[in-house]
N, C-alpha and C. Protein backbone atom coordinates (compact mmCIF):
# COMPACT_ATOMS: atom_id res chain seq x y z
N UNK A 1 0.94 -1.21 0.24
CA UNK A 1 -0.03 0.03 -0.28
C UNK A 1 0.72 1.33 -0.13
N UNK A 2 0.53 2.38 -0.92
CA UNK A 2 1.28 3.38 -0.63
C UNK A 2 0.80 4.14 -0.27
N UNK A 3 1.62 5.35 0.45
CA UNK A 3 1.37 6.29 0.90
C UNK A 3 0.64 7.46 0.27
N UNK A 4 1.13 7.46 -0.74
CA UNK A 4 0.97 8.78 -1.69
C UNK A 4 -0.10 8.36 -2.84
N UNK A 5 -1.06 7.57 -2.12
CA UNK A 5 -2.21 7.09 -3.26
C UNK A 5 -3.65 7.36 -2.19
N UNK A 6 -4.58 7.66 -3.00
CA UNK A 6 -5.78 7.58 -2.12
C UNK A 6 -6.79 7.43 -3.21
N UNK A 7 -7.63 6.39 -3.23
CA UNK A 7 -8.59 5.65 -4.34
C UNK A 7 -9.97 6.01 -3.64
N UNK A 8 -11.10 5.65 -4.45
CA UNK A 8 -12.04 5.51 -3.75
C UNK A 8 -12.82 4.60 -4.47
N UNK A 9 -13.37 3.27 -4.20
CA UNK A 9 -14.19 2.49 -4.88
C UNK A 9 -15.54 2.41 -4.37
N UNK A 10 -16.35 1.28 -5.01
CA UNK A 10 -17.82 1.49 -4.82
C UNK A 10 -18.93 1.10 -5.83
N UNK A 11 -20.01 1.05 -5.56
CA UNK A 11 -21.33 0.66 -6.35
C UNK A 11 -21.00 2.36 -7.69
N UNK A 12 -21.32 1.07 -9.04
CA UNK A 12 -21.28 1.78 -9.89
C UNK A 12 -22.14 2.86 -10.03
N UNK A 13 -22.08 4.37 -10.70
CA UNK A 13 -22.86 5.39 -10.51
C UNK A 13 -23.45 5.86 -9.20
N UNK A 14 -22.53 5.75 -7.98
CA UNK A 14 -22.77 6.62 -6.82
C UNK A 14 -22.11 7.71 -6.58
N UNK A 15 -21.63 8.18 -7.73
CA UNK A 15 -21.11 10.04 -7.61
C UNK A 15 -19.51 10.07 -6.86
N UNK A 16 -18.33 8.76 -7.05
CA UNK A 16 -17.43 8.83 -6.80
C UNK A 16 -16.27 10.07 -7.25
N UNK A 17 -16.75 9.92 -8.71
CA UNK A 17 -15.86 10.90 -9.35
C UNK A 17 -16.18 12.55 -9.12
N UNK A 18 -17.62 12.01 -9.02
CA UNK A 18 -17.99 13.59 -8.64
C UNK A 18 -17.70 14.42 -7.56
N UNK A 19 -17.30 13.47 -6.11
CA UNK A 19 -17.23 13.88 -5.06
C UNK A 19 -15.70 13.92 -5.14
N UNK A 20 -14.93 13.54 -5.94
CA UNK A 20 -13.46 13.79 -6.33
C UNK A 20 -13.30 15.47 -6.83
N UNK A 21 -13.93 15.50 -7.73
CA UNK A 21 -14.15 16.44 -8.44
C UNK A 21 -14.57 18.08 -7.75
N UNK A 22 -15.28 17.34 -7.42
CA UNK A 22 -16.06 18.25 -5.91
C UNK A 22 -14.92 19.09 -5.17
N UNK A 23 -14.26 18.44 -4.53
CA UNK A 23 -13.02 18.49 -3.69
C UNK A 23 -11.74 18.91 -4.46
N UNK A 24 -11.57 18.55 -5.44
CA UNK A 24 -10.71 19.01 -6.40
C UNK A 24 -10.69 20.47 -6.86
N UNK A 25 -12.13 20.77 -6.94
CA UNK A 25 -12.73 22.37 -7.49
C UNK A 25 -12.59 23.51 -6.16
N UNK A 26 -12.63 22.89 -5.35
CA UNK A 26 -12.35 23.71 -4.09
C UNK A 26 -11.02 24.42 -4.04
N UNK A 27 -10.08 23.31 -4.34
CA UNK A 27 -8.40 22.93 -4.17
C UNK A 27 -7.77 23.87 -5.16
N UNK A 28 -8.54 23.68 -6.17
CA UNK A 28 -7.27 24.04 -7.63
C UNK A 28 -8.60 24.80 -8.53
N UNK A 29 -9.72 25.11 -8.06
CA UNK A 29 -10.39 25.69 -9.24
C UNK A 29 -11.05 24.81 -9.85
N UNK A 30 -12.31 25.49 -10.65
CA UNK A 30 -12.88 25.16 -12.08
C UNK A 30 -12.56 24.13 -12.73
N UNK A 31 -11.56 24.68 -13.35
CA UNK A 31 -10.69 23.96 -14.26
C UNK A 31 -9.45 23.15 -13.89
N UNK A 32 -9.77 22.58 -12.33
CA UNK A 32 -8.49 21.76 -12.39
C UNK A 32 -7.13 21.93 -12.86
N UNK A 33 -6.67 23.76 -12.58
CA UNK A 33 -5.44 23.70 -13.19
C UNK A 33 -4.39 23.42 -11.87
N UNK A 34 -3.51 22.25 -12.50
CA UNK A 34 -2.72 21.56 -11.28
C UNK A 34 -2.84 20.24 -11.08
N UNK A 35 -3.99 20.18 -11.96
CA UNK A 35 -4.34 18.38 -11.89
C UNK A 35 -4.19 17.57 -13.23
N UNK A 36 -3.21 16.46 -13.22
CA UNK A 36 -2.99 15.89 -14.34
C UNK A 36 -3.39 14.48 -14.41
N UNK A 37 -3.88 13.72 -15.45
CA UNK A 37 -4.00 12.29 -15.73
C UNK A 37 -5.27 12.48 -16.76
N UNK A 38 -6.03 11.55 -16.08
CA UNK A 38 -7.17 11.32 -17.41
C UNK A 38 -8.55 11.10 -16.26
N UNK A 39 -9.38 10.86 -17.18
CA UNK A 39 -10.84 10.62 -16.54
C UNK A 39 -11.50 9.88 -17.42
N UNK A 40 -12.21 8.96 -17.05
CA UNK A 40 -13.05 7.97 -18.26
C UNK A 40 -14.23 8.51 -18.17
N UNK A 41 -14.54 9.33 -19.58
CA UNK A 41 -16.08 9.91 -19.45
C UNK A 41 -16.83 9.35 -20.43
N UNK A 42 -17.83 9.56 -19.78
CA UNK A 42 -19.15 8.59 -19.93
C UNK A 42 -19.72 9.60 -21.38
N UNK A 43 -19.87 8.56 -22.08
CA UNK A 43 -20.76 8.75 -23.56
C UNK A 43 -22.18 8.76 -23.47
N UNK A 44 -23.34 9.59 -23.60
CA UNK A 44 -24.39 9.09 -23.73
C UNK A 44 -24.98 9.52 -24.70
N UNK A 45 -26.74 9.39 -25.44
CA UNK A 45 -27.35 10.14 -26.15
C UNK A 45 -27.99 11.26 -25.84
N UNK A 46 -29.28 11.52 -26.38
CA UNK A 46 -29.96 12.61 -26.45
C UNK A 46 -30.51 12.08 -24.85
N UNK A 47 -31.11 11.29 -24.73
CA UNK A 47 -31.59 10.38 -24.01
C UNK A 47 -31.00 9.74 -22.64
N UNK A 48 -29.86 10.38 -22.61
CA UNK A 48 -29.08 9.78 -21.45
C UNK A 48 -28.73 8.25 -21.58
N UNK A 49 -28.90 7.56 -22.71
CA UNK A 49 -28.63 5.98 -22.85
C UNK A 49 -26.90 6.10 -22.85
N UNK A 50 -26.20 4.87 -22.08
CA UNK A 50 -24.97 5.19 -22.18
C UNK A 50 -24.55 4.65 -23.50
N UNK A 51 -23.52 5.09 -24.52
CA UNK A 51 -23.31 4.77 -25.83
C UNK A 51 -21.39 3.90 -25.99
N UNK A 52 -21.17 4.47 -24.78
CA UNK A 52 -19.63 4.30 -24.32
C UNK A 52 -18.62 5.25 -23.06
N UNK A 53 -17.17 4.64 -23.57
CA UNK A 53 -16.36 5.80 -22.67
C UNK A 53 -15.31 6.38 -23.22
N UNK A 54 -14.77 7.11 -22.97
CA UNK A 54 -13.51 7.36 -23.72
C UNK A 54 -12.51 8.08 -22.76
N UNK A 55 -11.79 8.18 -23.06
CA UNK A 55 -10.35 8.63 -22.23
C UNK A 55 -9.96 9.59 -22.08
N UNK A 56 -10.17 10.67 -21.26
CA UNK A 56 -10.46 12.19 -21.54
C UNK A 56 -9.78 12.45 -20.81
N UNK A 57 -9.09 14.13 -20.83
CA UNK A 57 -7.86 14.41 -19.63
C UNK A 57 -8.87 14.55 -18.58
N UNK A 58 -8.26 14.78 -17.52
CA UNK A 58 -8.18 14.80 -16.41
C UNK A 58 -9.49 15.89 -16.04
N UNK A 59 -9.39 17.06 -16.37
CA UNK A 59 -10.29 18.31 -16.39
C UNK A 59 -11.43 18.34 -16.97
N UNK A 60 -11.79 17.12 -18.15
CA UNK A 60 -12.70 17.04 -19.01
C UNK A 60 -14.28 16.81 -18.29
N UNK A 61 -15.25 16.68 -18.94
CA UNK A 61 -16.64 16.84 -18.13
C UNK A 61 -16.73 15.25 -17.77
N UNK A 62 -17.30 14.68 -16.63
CA UNK A 62 -17.53 13.67 -16.70
C UNK A 62 -18.49 12.64 -17.50
N UNK A 63 -19.56 13.70 -18.25
CA UNK A 63 -20.19 12.51 -19.17
C UNK A 63 -20.19 14.27 -20.35
N UNK A 64 -20.91 13.28 -21.72
CA UNK A 64 -20.46 14.08 -22.79
C UNK A 64 -21.78 13.26 -23.39
N UNK A 65 -23.03 14.10 -24.44
CA UNK A 65 -24.06 13.44 -25.28
C UNK A 65 -22.92 14.06 -26.21
N UNK A 66 -22.92 12.81 -27.15
CA UNK A 66 -22.32 12.58 -28.59
C UNK A 66 -22.48 11.25 -29.17
N UNK A 67 -21.94 10.87 -30.38
CA UNK A 67 -21.70 9.97 -31.49
C UNK A 67 -20.51 9.14 -30.97
N UNK A 68 -20.19 8.09 -30.45
CA UNK A 68 -18.87 7.54 -29.91
C UNK A 68 -17.69 7.78 -31.36
N UNK A 69 -18.63 7.58 -32.09
CA UNK A 69 -17.85 6.85 -33.78
C UNK A 69 -17.85 8.38 -34.03
N UNK A 70 -18.17 9.59 -33.51
CA UNK A 70 -17.46 10.92 -34.08
C UNK A 70 -16.48 11.77 -32.99
N UNK A 71 -15.84 10.65 -32.06
CA UNK A 71 -15.02 11.32 -30.78
C UNK A 71 -13.85 10.10 -31.17
N UNK A 72 -12.81 10.97 -30.64
CA UNK A 72 -11.55 10.07 -30.48
C UNK A 72 -11.00 9.52 -29.40
N UNK A 73 -10.22 8.53 -29.08
CA UNK A 73 -10.18 8.41 -28.01
C UNK A 73 -11.03 6.89 -26.91
N UNK A 74 -12.32 6.65 -27.79
CA UNK A 74 -13.18 5.72 -26.83
C UNK A 74 -12.86 4.28 -26.84
N UNK A 75 -12.52 3.82 -25.74
CA UNK A 75 -12.07 2.66 -25.50
C UNK A 75 -13.23 1.36 -25.26
N UNK A 76 -14.65 2.12 -24.92
CA UNK A 76 -15.39 1.50 -24.57
C UNK A 76 -16.97 1.60 -25.37
N UNK A 77 -17.27 0.90 -26.24
CA UNK A 77 -18.93 0.67 -26.74
C UNK A 77 -19.50 -0.08 -26.51
N UNK A 78 -21.10 0.66 -26.29
CA UNK A 78 -22.20 -0.18 -26.34
C UNK A 78 -23.01 -0.44 -27.72
N UNK A 79 -23.62 -1.56 -28.11
CA UNK A 79 -24.44 -1.94 -28.62
C UNK A 79 -25.26 -2.99 -28.41
N UNK A 80 -26.47 -2.60 -29.42
CA UNK A 80 -27.81 -3.65 -28.81
C UNK A 80 -26.85 -5.32 -28.86
N UNK A 81 -26.11 -4.96 -29.40
CA UNK A 81 -25.04 -6.90 -29.46
C UNK A 81 -24.34 -6.73 -28.52
N UNK A 82 -24.09 -6.20 -27.44
CA UNK A 82 -22.89 -6.04 -26.79
C UNK A 82 -21.96 -5.09 -26.37
N UNK A 83 -20.61 -5.24 -25.87
CA UNK A 83 -20.01 -4.22 -25.89
C UNK A 83 -18.59 -4.52 -26.46
N UNK A 84 -17.99 -3.59 -27.00
CA UNK A 84 -16.64 -3.91 -27.45
C UNK A 84 -15.52 -2.96 -26.88
N UNK A 85 -14.10 -3.17 -26.64
CA UNK A 85 -13.39 -2.62 -26.07
C UNK A 85 -11.81 -2.38 -27.29
N UNK A 86 -11.59 -1.01 -26.80
CA UNK A 86 -10.65 -0.92 -28.15
C UNK A 86 -9.15 -0.70 -27.19
N UNK A 87 -8.66 -1.46 -26.70
CA UNK A 87 -7.07 -1.80 -26.02
C UNK A 87 -6.18 -0.95 -26.62
N UNK A 88 -6.16 -0.31 -27.75
CA UNK A 88 -5.49 0.47 -28.49
C UNK A 88 -5.40 1.99 -27.78
N UNK A 89 -6.62 2.35 -27.25
CA UNK A 89 -6.20 3.59 -26.63
C UNK A 89 -5.42 3.55 -25.40
N UNK A 90 -5.56 2.69 -24.57
CA UNK A 90 -4.73 1.98 -23.22
C UNK A 90 -3.59 2.44 -24.05
N UNK A 91 -3.21 1.81 -24.67
CA UNK A 91 -1.76 1.37 -25.00
C UNK A 91 -1.02 2.91 -25.82
N UNK A 92 -2.04 3.33 -26.38
CA UNK A 92 -1.61 4.65 -26.82
C UNK A 92 -1.63 6.01 -26.03
N UNK A 93 -2.94 6.39 -26.12
CA UNK A 93 -3.27 7.59 -25.18
C UNK A 93 -2.83 7.40 -23.89
N UNK A 94 -3.70 6.26 -23.30
CA UNK A 94 -3.54 5.95 -21.93
C UNK A 94 -1.88 6.16 -21.88
N UNK A 95 -1.05 5.49 -22.54
CA UNK A 95 0.05 5.70 -21.41
C UNK A 95 0.76 7.08 -21.71
N UNK A 96 0.27 7.45 -22.74
CA UNK A 96 0.80 9.18 -23.21
C UNK A 96 0.23 10.02 -22.19
N UNK A 97 -0.90 9.58 -21.52
CA UNK A 97 -1.41 10.81 -20.26
C UNK A 97 -0.46 10.04 -18.91
N UNK A 98 -0.27 9.10 -18.99
CA UNK A 98 0.42 8.69 -17.55
C UNK A 98 1.51 9.40 -17.68
N UNK A 99 2.41 9.17 -18.60
CA UNK A 99 3.98 9.74 -19.14
C UNK A 99 3.83 11.22 -18.77
N UNK A 100 2.69 11.59 -19.31
CA UNK A 100 2.76 13.18 -19.32
C UNK A 100 2.33 14.08 -17.96
N UNK A 101 1.48 12.94 -17.13
CA UNK A 101 0.99 13.21 -15.81
C UNK A 101 2.53 13.41 -15.07
N UNK A 102 2.93 12.26 -14.90
CA UNK A 102 4.21 11.87 -14.48
C UNK A 102 5.14 13.65 -14.77
N UNK A 103 5.28 13.61 -15.73
CA UNK A 103 6.30 14.66 -15.97
C UNK A 103 6.01 16.06 -15.48
N UNK A 104 4.48 16.35 -15.61
CA UNK A 104 4.07 17.59 -15.46
C UNK A 104 4.29 17.88 -13.88
N UNK A 105 4.22 16.37 -13.27
CA UNK A 105 4.07 17.02 -11.41
C UNK A 105 5.45 16.95 -11.30
N UNK A 106 6.62 16.07 -11.65
CA UNK A 106 7.81 16.45 -11.49
C UNK A 106 8.89 17.96 -11.75
N UNK A 107 7.72 18.38 -13.32
CA UNK A 107 8.57 19.58 -13.27
C UNK A 107 7.86 20.57 -13.04
N UNK A 108 7.09 20.56 -12.44
CA UNK A 108 5.58 21.29 -11.34
C UNK A 108 5.00 22.15 -11.96
N UNK A 109 4.04 21.84 -13.08
CA UNK A 109 3.32 21.74 -13.98
C UNK A 109 2.14 21.54 -12.93
N UNK A 110 2.13 20.76 -12.53
CA UNK A 110 1.02 19.88 -11.72
C UNK A 110 1.30 19.48 -10.31
N UNK A 111 0.34 19.51 -9.54
CA UNK A 111 0.12 19.13 -8.56
C UNK A 111 0.23 17.30 -8.06
N UNK A 112 -0.57 17.04 -8.60
CA UNK A 112 -1.43 15.82 -8.83
C UNK A 112 -1.59 14.95 -9.54
N UNK A 113 -2.02 14.07 -9.83
CA UNK A 113 -2.67 12.99 -10.88
C UNK A 113 -3.72 12.49 -10.24
N UNK A 114 -4.74 12.41 -11.10
CA UNK A 114 -6.24 12.01 -11.16
C UNK A 114 -5.93 10.70 -12.28
N UNK A 115 -6.37 9.38 -11.12
CA UNK A 115 -6.86 8.37 -12.35
C UNK A 115 -8.27 7.71 -11.99
N UNK A 116 -8.96 8.23 -13.11
CA UNK A 116 -10.46 7.88 -12.95
C UNK A 116 -10.82 7.14 -14.06
N UNK A 117 -11.03 6.37 -14.46
CA UNK A 117 -10.94 5.17 -13.14
C UNK A 117 -10.06 3.93 -13.93
N UNK A 118 -9.45 3.05 -12.73
CA UNK A 118 -7.99 2.18 -13.15
C UNK A 118 -8.96 0.64 -12.59
N UNK A 119 -8.41 -0.44 -13.02
CA UNK A 119 -8.83 -1.23 -12.38
C UNK A 119 -9.89 -2.26 -13.07
N UNK A 120 -9.63 -1.63 -14.53
CA UNK A 120 -10.73 -2.83 -15.23
C UNK A 120 -9.86 -3.36 -16.29
N UNK A 121 -10.74 -3.24 -17.75
CA UNK A 121 -9.84 -4.03 -18.86
C UNK A 121 -8.36 -3.77 -19.32
N UNK A 122 -7.96 -2.01 -19.02
CA UNK A 122 -6.91 -1.56 -19.12
C UNK A 122 -5.88 -2.13 -18.66
N UNK A 123 -5.78 -3.00 -17.28
CA UNK A 123 -5.16 -3.60 -16.89
C UNK A 123 -4.60 -4.80 -17.68
N UNK A 124 -5.10 -5.50 -18.92
CA UNK A 124 -5.26 -6.55 -19.70
C UNK A 124 -3.65 -5.71 -20.77
N UNK A 125 -3.50 -4.97 -20.46
CA UNK A 125 -2.26 -4.49 -21.26
C UNK A 125 -1.16 -4.05 -20.43
N UNK A 126 -0.05 -4.80 -20.72
CA UNK A 126 1.14 -5.34 -19.97
C UNK A 126 1.74 -3.75 -19.76
N UNK A 127 2.16 -3.09 -21.44
CA UNK A 127 2.45 -2.52 -21.51
C UNK A 127 1.75 -0.92 -20.49
N UNK A 128 0.69 -0.68 -20.67
CA UNK A 128 -0.67 0.24 -19.85
C UNK A 128 -0.09 -0.50 -18.77
N UNK A 129 -0.32 -1.22 -17.77
CA UNK A 129 0.15 -1.80 -16.86
C UNK A 129 1.63 -1.08 -16.05
N UNK A 130 2.55 -1.96 -17.10
CA UNK A 130 3.98 -0.82 -16.88
C UNK A 130 4.01 0.17 -16.33
N UNK A 131 3.85 1.00 -17.32
CA UNK A 131 3.90 2.42 -17.06
C UNK A 131 2.57 3.09 -15.93
N UNK A 132 1.33 2.49 -15.31
CA UNK A 132 0.82 2.87 -14.64
C UNK A 132 1.28 2.55 -13.13
N UNK A 133 1.83 1.17 -13.07
CA UNK A 133 2.51 0.90 -11.76
C UNK A 133 3.52 1.96 -11.67
N UNK A 134 4.64 1.84 -12.56
CA UNK A 134 5.83 3.20 -12.75
C UNK A 134 5.57 4.54 -11.84
N UNK A 135 4.19 4.72 -12.24
CA UNK A 135 3.69 5.99 -11.64
C UNK A 135 3.15 5.76 -10.27
N UNK A 136 2.68 4.93 -9.82
CA UNK A 136 1.94 4.47 -8.88
C UNK A 136 3.45 4.19 -7.65
N UNK A 137 4.18 3.71 -8.02
CA UNK A 137 5.33 3.20 -7.22
C UNK A 137 6.49 4.74 -6.94
N UNK A 138 5.98 5.81 -7.96
CA UNK A 138 7.29 6.87 -7.34
C UNK A 138 6.36 7.59 -6.36
N UNK A 139 7.11 8.50 -5.81
CA UNK A 139 6.42 10.04 -5.19
C UNK A 139 5.55 11.00 -5.68
N UNK A 140 5.04 10.56 -6.83
CA UNK A 140 4.00 11.20 -7.13
C UNK A 140 2.80 10.75 -6.47
N UNK A 141 1.94 12.09 -6.18
CA UNK A 141 0.55 11.80 -5.30
C UNK A 141 -0.52 11.68 -6.60
N UNK A 142 -1.04 10.41 -6.06
CA UNK A 142 -2.06 9.98 -7.32
C UNK A 142 -3.34 10.16 -6.58
N UNK A 143 -4.40 10.30 -7.18
CA UNK A 143 -6.09 9.91 -6.58
C UNK A 143 -6.76 9.71 -7.53
N UNK A 144 -8.02 8.89 -7.44
CA UNK A 144 -8.92 8.60 -8.27
C UNK A 144 -9.99 7.45 -7.95
N UNK A 145 -10.39 6.94 -8.78
CA UNK A 145 -11.73 5.67 -8.70
C UNK A 145 -10.99 4.48 -8.60
N UNK A 146 -10.90 3.36 -8.11
CA UNK A 146 -10.54 1.98 -8.27
C UNK A 146 -11.78 0.93 -8.89
N UNK A 147 -11.83 0.52 -9.61
CA UNK A 147 -12.75 -0.63 -9.84
C UNK A 147 -12.45 -1.46 -8.56
N UNK A 148 -14.02 -1.41 -8.16
CA UNK A 148 -13.92 -2.41 -6.52
C UNK A 148 -13.63 -4.00 -7.13
N UNK A 149 -13.23 -4.96 -6.16
CA UNK A 149 -13.51 -6.22 -6.53
C UNK A 149 -14.65 -6.58 -6.80
N UNK A 150 -15.69 -6.44 -6.38
CA UNK A 150 -17.07 -6.78 -6.27
C UNK A 150 -17.70 -6.06 -7.48
N UNK A 151 -17.48 -5.09 -8.53
CA UNK A 151 -17.57 -4.70 -9.61
C UNK A 151 -17.04 -5.27 -10.81
N UNK A 152 -15.47 -5.92 -10.55
CA UNK A 152 -14.56 -6.77 -11.59
C UNK A 152 -15.24 -8.09 -11.05
N UNK A 153 -15.95 -8.91 -10.93
CA UNK A 153 -16.19 -10.30 -10.57
C UNK A 153 -17.12 -10.47 -11.88
N UNK A 154 -17.24 -10.01 -12.49
CA UNK A 154 -17.85 -9.89 -13.96
C UNK A 154 -16.91 -10.22 -14.97
N UNK A 155 -15.32 -9.72 -14.68
CA UNK A 155 -14.57 -9.80 -15.74
C UNK A 155 -13.79 -11.24 -15.90
N UNK A 156 -13.10 -11.17 -17.01
CA UNK A 156 -12.44 -12.45 -17.00
C UNK A 156 -11.86 -12.48 -15.84
N UNK A 157 -11.21 -13.69 -15.31
CA UNK A 157 -10.41 -14.13 -14.17
C UNK A 157 -9.00 -13.58 -14.35
N UNK A 158 -8.65 -12.72 -15.30
CA UNK A 158 -7.13 -12.80 -15.45
C UNK A 158 -7.10 -11.23 -15.12
N UNK A 159 -8.32 -10.41 -15.50
CA UNK A 159 -8.60 -9.12 -14.95
C UNK A 159 -8.52 -9.11 -13.52
N UNK A 160 -9.57 -9.65 -12.96
CA UNK A 160 -9.93 -9.97 -11.57
C UNK A 160 -8.48 -9.97 -10.70
N UNK A 161 -7.56 -11.22 -11.25
CA UNK A 161 -6.26 -11.32 -10.49
C UNK A 161 -5.78 -10.32 -10.78
N UNK A 162 -5.51 -9.03 -11.82
CA UNK A 162 -5.00 -8.18 -11.91
C UNK A 162 -5.26 -6.95 -11.56
N UNK A 163 -7.01 -7.19 -11.03
CA UNK A 163 -7.41 -6.14 -10.14
C UNK A 163 -7.09 -6.14 -8.75
N UNK A 164 -6.77 -7.14 -8.06
CA UNK A 164 -6.63 -7.43 -6.58
C UNK A 164 -5.24 -7.39 -6.65
N UNK A 165 -4.49 -7.71 -7.42
CA UNK A 165 -2.76 -6.60 -7.61
C UNK A 165 -2.59 -5.51 -7.23
N UNK A 166 -3.68 -4.41 -7.91
CA UNK A 166 -3.65 -2.81 -7.73
C UNK A 166 -3.84 -2.68 -6.49
N UNK A 167 -5.28 -3.29 -6.23
CA UNK A 167 -5.70 -2.60 -4.93
C UNK A 167 -4.57 -2.45 -3.73
N UNK A 168 -3.63 -3.70 -4.08
CA UNK A 168 -2.08 -4.08 -2.97
C UNK A 168 -1.62 -2.81 -3.22
N UNK A 169 -1.29 -2.65 -4.27
CA UNK A 169 -0.51 -1.26 -4.26
C UNK A 169 -1.03 0.06 -3.88
N UNK A 170 -2.11 0.42 -3.46
CA UNK A 170 -3.23 1.48 -3.28
C UNK A 170 -3.39 1.36 -2.04
N UNK A 171 -3.76 3.08 -1.38
CA UNK A 171 -4.88 3.31 -0.52
C UNK A 171 -6.26 3.35 -1.21
N UNK A 172 -6.87 2.45 -0.48
CA UNK A 172 -8.34 2.27 -1.19
C UNK A 172 -9.47 3.00 0.03
N UNK A 173 -10.45 3.00 -0.18
CA UNK A 173 -11.59 3.78 1.01
C UNK A 173 -12.70 3.48 0.20
N UNK A 174 -13.32 2.92 0.75
CA UNK A 174 -15.15 2.53 0.28
C UNK A 174 -16.17 3.56 0.73
N UNK A 175 -15.69 4.26 1.72
CA UNK A 175 -16.92 5.22 2.26
C UNK A 175 -16.58 6.18 2.10
N UNK A 176 -17.61 7.27 1.53
CA UNK A 176 -17.58 8.41 1.13
C UNK A 176 -17.27 9.51 2.15
N UNK A 177 -18.22 9.64 3.10
CA UNK A 177 -17.67 10.56 4.32
C UNK A 177 -15.82 10.61 4.53
N UNK A 178 -15.22 9.30 4.95
CA UNK A 178 -14.71 8.76 5.33
C UNK A 178 -13.29 9.48 3.74
N UNK A 179 -13.91 8.79 2.95
CA UNK A 179 -12.75 9.06 1.81
C UNK A 179 -12.49 10.63 1.32
N UNK A 180 -13.83 11.14 1.62
CA UNK A 180 -13.65 12.99 1.64
C UNK A 180 -12.84 13.65 2.29
N UNK A 181 -12.83 12.92 3.82
CA UNK A 181 -12.22 13.79 4.88
C UNK A 181 -10.64 13.57 4.24
N UNK A 182 -10.48 12.07 4.10
CA UNK A 182 -9.08 11.88 4.24
C UNK A 182 -8.64 12.32 3.08
N UNK A 183 -9.71 12.80 1.84
CA UNK A 183 -8.90 13.16 0.43
C UNK A 183 -8.86 14.77 0.70
N UNK A 184 -9.60 15.62 1.88
CA UNK A 184 -8.65 16.79 2.05
C UNK A 184 -7.72 16.78 2.77
N UNK A 185 -7.41 15.75 3.85
CA UNK A 185 -6.13 15.89 4.83
C UNK A 185 -4.94 15.43 3.62
N UNK A 186 -4.77 14.43 2.49
CA UNK A 186 -4.22 14.00 1.66
C UNK A 186 -3.99 15.23 0.75
N UNK A 187 -4.83 16.16 0.42
CA UNK A 187 -4.23 16.95 -0.34
C UNK A 187 -3.45 18.62 0.37
N UNK A 188 -4.05 18.62 1.65
CA UNK A 188 -3.36 19.16 2.86
C UNK A 188 -2.14 18.73 2.88
N UNK A 189 -2.14 18.03 2.90
CA UNK A 189 0.14 16.98 3.04
C UNK A 189 0.13 17.30 2.03
N UNK A 190 0.12 16.93 0.49
CA UNK A 190 0.97 17.28 -0.25
C UNK A 190 0.91 18.12 -1.10
N UNK A 191 -0.37 18.81 -0.92
CA UNK A 191 -0.50 19.76 -2.46
C UNK A 191 -0.13 21.37 -1.47
N UNK A 192 -1.12 21.98 -0.71
CA UNK A 192 -0.74 22.75 -0.07
C UNK A 192 0.10 23.58 1.06
């Protein structure tokens, strides 16, 4: 467990990312200046039906109404026939965003790295996982959302094993009030 990480886990669509952004905006402002990393942006249609997920910059909106076919960096598509994951997004833009976030903190352009969300299909990429672990094993402060073990149960057993390995590298909190309190302390310790 790393002392420079703080992650929240919990049921899907319960406000984990929203909570993180609320606190980060209080500290860094609306545009999250000083925060590097990425977010898994939800792509919906005009009726709020989930169409996919896109790997977006840390400060991006959590959700966008668009056609996934018209967007870049979409790593998960939902169709009436199931879903499809594009691992190339993690092995290109994902690795790029991790390296850029690490450099931004080391060079003083950012104070913290947001990883929202990790612990899913991206772990199947050894190249992505290697860059992620380099970041998490460094002294760079990282916060974010990690897929809970219970949410990962439906995934391939190899992903579940990698998710458990990832959890062992992180400080993970499941209770929202405790996480918010610890996040404020974490930011005071590392940032302010």
